[in-house]
Amino acid sequence: MGIVRKYIEEGGGNFLTVKNCKIGNAVSIEAISLDDETFDKSYIIVDGLFDPTGEECRVRLGVQNLERIAEVLGDDETTWPGQKLTCIGTQRYPGLGTRGLLWSGVKAGRKEPVSDVDRVNDVINEILAAKTDLTRAAVEKLIEDEIAKAKGLINREAAVNLVASTLGVAGGGA
């Protein structure tokens, strides 16, 4: 067996990556599990249907994604099936030389418009271009902090505009 096929089979197959998932794509959640054997550390695995194609897929979630998803879907994963995940961006992992997907939860019956996701990502990219000392993870943390300060009464678009404005970046309020 070749190393590519072996990796796919041992990795549980059909994981979404930056190569096969775009910002705004969604996954309908079918099941949640903990995988503490396949990878170097434990991850939550979401089995679901990739909305653009209807194909079965898997999403590997680390702590940062889980915290963001739990803000919307709650921390009881048994209530997640039937809900959705939406890809809200990507993050570069310099030490690994790779990029990963950023996810948010979407309650059933609600859909975050792609245009809102695109506007948030555009402002994040403006911030990163203007403030080269910041990482995407740091900007995401600032956004989440703004949402938390407002006790969830503002959305990601409002929060990213507040962050941009605070940092003196033109995208704030645009």
Protein backbone atom coordinates (compact mmCIF):
# COMPACT_ATOMS: atom_id res chain seq x y z
CA MET A 1 0.00 0.00 0.00
CA GLY A 2 1.35 3.45 -0.95
CA ILE A 3 1.92 6.12 1.69
CA VAL A 4 -0.85 8.37 0.32
CA ARG A 5 -3.50 5.62 0.53
CA LYS A 6 -2.17 4.50 3.94
CA TYR A 7 -2.39 8.08 5.29
CA ILE A 8 -5.93 8.53 3.95
CA GLU A 9 -7.09 5.24 5.47
CA GLU A 10 -5.35 5.76 8.82
CA GLY A 11 -6.49 9.38 8.99
CA GLY A 12 -10.13 8.35 8.67
CA GLY A 13 -10.42 9.62 5.09
CA ASN A 14 -12.37 12.47 3.49
CA PHE A 15 -11.32 15.26 5.86
CA LEU A 16 -12.04 18.78 4.67
CA THR A 17 -8.92 20.90 4.14
CA VAL A 18 -8.06 24.29 2.66
CA LYS A 19 -7.66 22.43 -0.65
CA ASN A 20 -11.25 21.18 -0.83
CA CYS A 21 -13.26 23.66 1.26
CA LYS A 22 -13.90 27.36 0.66
CA ILE A 23 -14.94 30.15 2.99
CA GLY A 24 -18.73 30.09 3.26
CA ASN A 25 -19.01 26.32 2.66
CA ALA A 26 -21.09 24.47 5.24
CA VAL A 27 -21.24 20.99 6.71
CA SER A 28 -24.46 19.45 8.03
CA ILE A 29 -23.49 17.70 11.27
CA GLU A 30 -24.47 14.02 11.58
CA ALA A 31 -22.25 12.72 14.41
CA ILE A 32 -19.51 13.82 16.82
CA SER A 33 -16.69 11.67 18.17
CA LEU A 34 -13.38 11.97 19.98
CA ASP A 35 -10.34 10.66 18.11
CA ASP A 36 -7.42 10.19 20.47
CA GLU A 37 -5.59 7.56 18.42
CA THR A 38 -5.17 8.75 14.83
CA PHE A 39 -3.35 12.04 15.31
CA ASP A 40 -0.56 13.34 17.53
CA LYS A 41 -3.13 14.67 20.02
CA SER A 42 -6.87 14.28 20.61
CA TYR A 43 -9.33 16.02 18.30
CA ILE A 44 -13.10 16.20 18.06
CA ILE A 45 -14.23 14.74 14.74
CA VAL A 46 -17.44 15.84 13.05
CA ASP A 47 -18.95 13.41 10.56
CA GLY A 48 -21.34 15.17 8.23
CA LEU A 49 -22.48 16.05 4.75
CA PHE A 50 -20.57 18.66 2.76
CA ASP A 51 -23.38 20.98 1.66
CA PRO A 52 -21.91 22.03 -1.72
CA THR A 53 -21.69 18.41 -2.95
CA GLY A 54 -23.83 16.34 -0.58
CA GLU A 55 -20.84 14.03 -0.02
CA GLU A 56 -19.96 12.53 3.35
CA CYS A 57 -17.05 14.32 4.97
CA ARG A 58 -15.15 14.70 8.22
CA VAL A 59 -13.99 17.82 10.02
CA ARG A 60 -11.16 17.71 12.58
CA LEU A 61 -11.63 20.34 15.30
CA GLY A 62 -9.09 21.70 17.74
CA VAL A 63 -9.71 23.84 20.81
CA GLN A 64 -9.92 27.23 19.02
CA ASN A 65 -12.60 26.00 16.61
CA LEU A 66 -14.48 24.17 19.37
CA GLU A 67 -14.67 27.28 21.54
CA ARG A 68 -16.08 29.32 18.64
CA ILE A 69 -18.58 26.60 17.67
CA ALA A 70 -19.69 26.05 21.28
CA GLU A 71 -20.56 29.76 21.55
CA VAL A 72 -23.29 29.17 18.97
CA LEU A 73 -24.24 25.49 19.33
CA GLY A 74 -23.56 25.07 23.07
CA ASP A 75 -21.08 22.77 24.77
CA ASP A 76 -23.32 19.67 24.73
CA GLU A 77 -22.20 17.95 21.54
CA THR A 78 -25.16 15.56 21.68
CA THR A 79 -27.32 18.50 20.51
CA TRP A 80 -25.12 19.27 17.49
CA PRO A 81 -26.44 16.69 14.98
CA GLY A 82 -28.85 18.49 12.66
CA GLN A 83 -26.95 21.78 13.07
CA LYS A 84 -24.30 23.12 10.70
CA LEU A 85 -20.71 24.25 10.66
CA THR A 86 -19.68 27.02 8.29
CA CYS A 87 -16.13 27.75 7.19
CA ILE A 88 -15.33 31.34 8.18
CA GLY A 89 -11.69 31.52 7.16
CA THR A 90 -8.26 29.97 7.19
CA GLN A 91 -5.33 30.24 9.55
CA ARG A 92 -1.65 29.78 8.82
CA TYR A 93 0.36 27.58 11.17
CA PRO A 94 3.93 28.85 10.53
CA GLY A 95 5.63 26.16 12.61
CA LEU A 96 3.89 23.44 10.61
CA GLY A 97 4.13 25.18 7.23
CA THR A 98 0.42 24.60 6.60
CA ARG A 99 -2.98 26.25 6.81
CA GLY A 100 -6.11 25.11 8.60
CA LEU A 101 -9.81 25.90 8.38
CA LEU A 102 -11.65 28.12 10.85
CA TRP A 103 -15.20 27.04 11.67
CA SER A 104 -18.26 28.52 13.33
CA GLY A 105 -21.54 26.90 14.31
CA VAL A 106 -24.85 27.75 12.66
CA LYS A 107 -28.12 26.79 14.34
CA ALA A 108 -30.56 24.79 12.19
CA GLY A 109 -32.83 27.06 10.21
CA ARG A 110 -30.33 29.95 10.35
CA LYS A 111 -27.77 30.61 7.70
CA GLU A 112 -25.01 33.17 7.94
CA PRO A 113 -25.03 34.93 4.57
CA VAL A 114 -21.87 34.32 2.59
CA SER A 115 -21.63 38.05 1.95
CA ASP A 116 -21.28 38.63 5.73
CA VAL A 117 -18.57 35.96 5.93
CA ASP A 118 -16.80 37.53 2.94
CA ARG A 119 -16.95 41.01 4.52
CA VAL A 120 -15.50 39.70 7.78
CA ASN A 121 -12.69 37.91 5.94
CA ASP A 122 -11.99 41.01 3.82
CA VAL A 123 -11.63 43.18 6.93
CA ILE A 124 -9.43 40.57 8.63
CA ASN A 125 -7.21 40.55 5.53
CA GLU A 126 -7.06 44.39 5.63
CA ILE A 127 -6.02 44.24 9.28
CA LEU A 128 -3.34 41.63 8.56
CA ALA A 129 -1.99 43.68 5.64
CA ALA A 130 -1.83 46.86 7.73
CA LYS A 131 -0.62 45.26 10.96
CA THR A 132 2.00 42.75 9.87
CA ASP A 133 2.93 41.99 13.49
CA LEU A 134 -0.50 40.39 14.05
CA THR A 135 -1.44 36.82 13.15
CA ARG A 136 -4.86 35.67 11.98
CA ALA A 137 -5.23 33.86 15.31
CA ALA A 138 -4.55 37.09 17.20
CA VAL A 139 -7.14 38.98 15.12
CA GLU A 140 -9.69 36.18 15.63
CA LYS A 141 -9.05 36.44 19.40
CA LEU A 142 -9.62 40.21 19.30
CA ILE A 143 -12.90 39.61 17.42
CA GLU A 144 -14.03 37.01 19.94
CA ASP A 145 -13.08 39.38 22.79
CA GLU A 146 -15.26 42.14 21.29
CA ILE A 147 -18.20 39.73 21.00
CA ALA A 148 -17.66 38.61 24.60
CA LYS A 149 -17.45 42.23 25.85
CA ALA A 150 -20.80 42.89 24.16
CA LYS A 151 -22.16 39.70 25.77
CA GLY A 152 -22.94 38.26 22.33
CA LEU A 153 -25.12 41.20 21.29
CA ILE A 154 -22.98 41.94 18.25
CA ASN A 155 -22.15 39.68 15.33
CA ARG A 156 -18.74 38.88 13.83
CA GLU A 157 -19.04 41.61 11.22
CA ALA A 158 -19.64 44.31 13.83
CA ALA A 159 -16.86 42.90 16.01
CA VAL A 160 -14.28 42.82 13.21
CA ASN A 161 -15.16 46.41 12.31
CA LEU A 162 -14.65 47.44 15.95
CA VAL A 163 -11.27 45.69 15.98
CA ALA A 164 -10.23 47.37 12.72
CA SER A 165 -11.34 50.77 13.99
CA THR A 166 -9.48 50.31 17.28
CA LEU A 167 -6.34 49.35 15.35
CA GLY A 168 -6.71 52.34 13.01
CA VAL A 169 -7.29 50.22 9.91
CA ALA A 170 -9.50 51.69 7.17
CA GLY A 171 -11.78 48.61 7.02
CA GLY A 172 -13.29 49.46 10.40
CA GLY A 173 -16.83 50.67 9.81
CA ALA A 174 -16.61 50.13 6.06
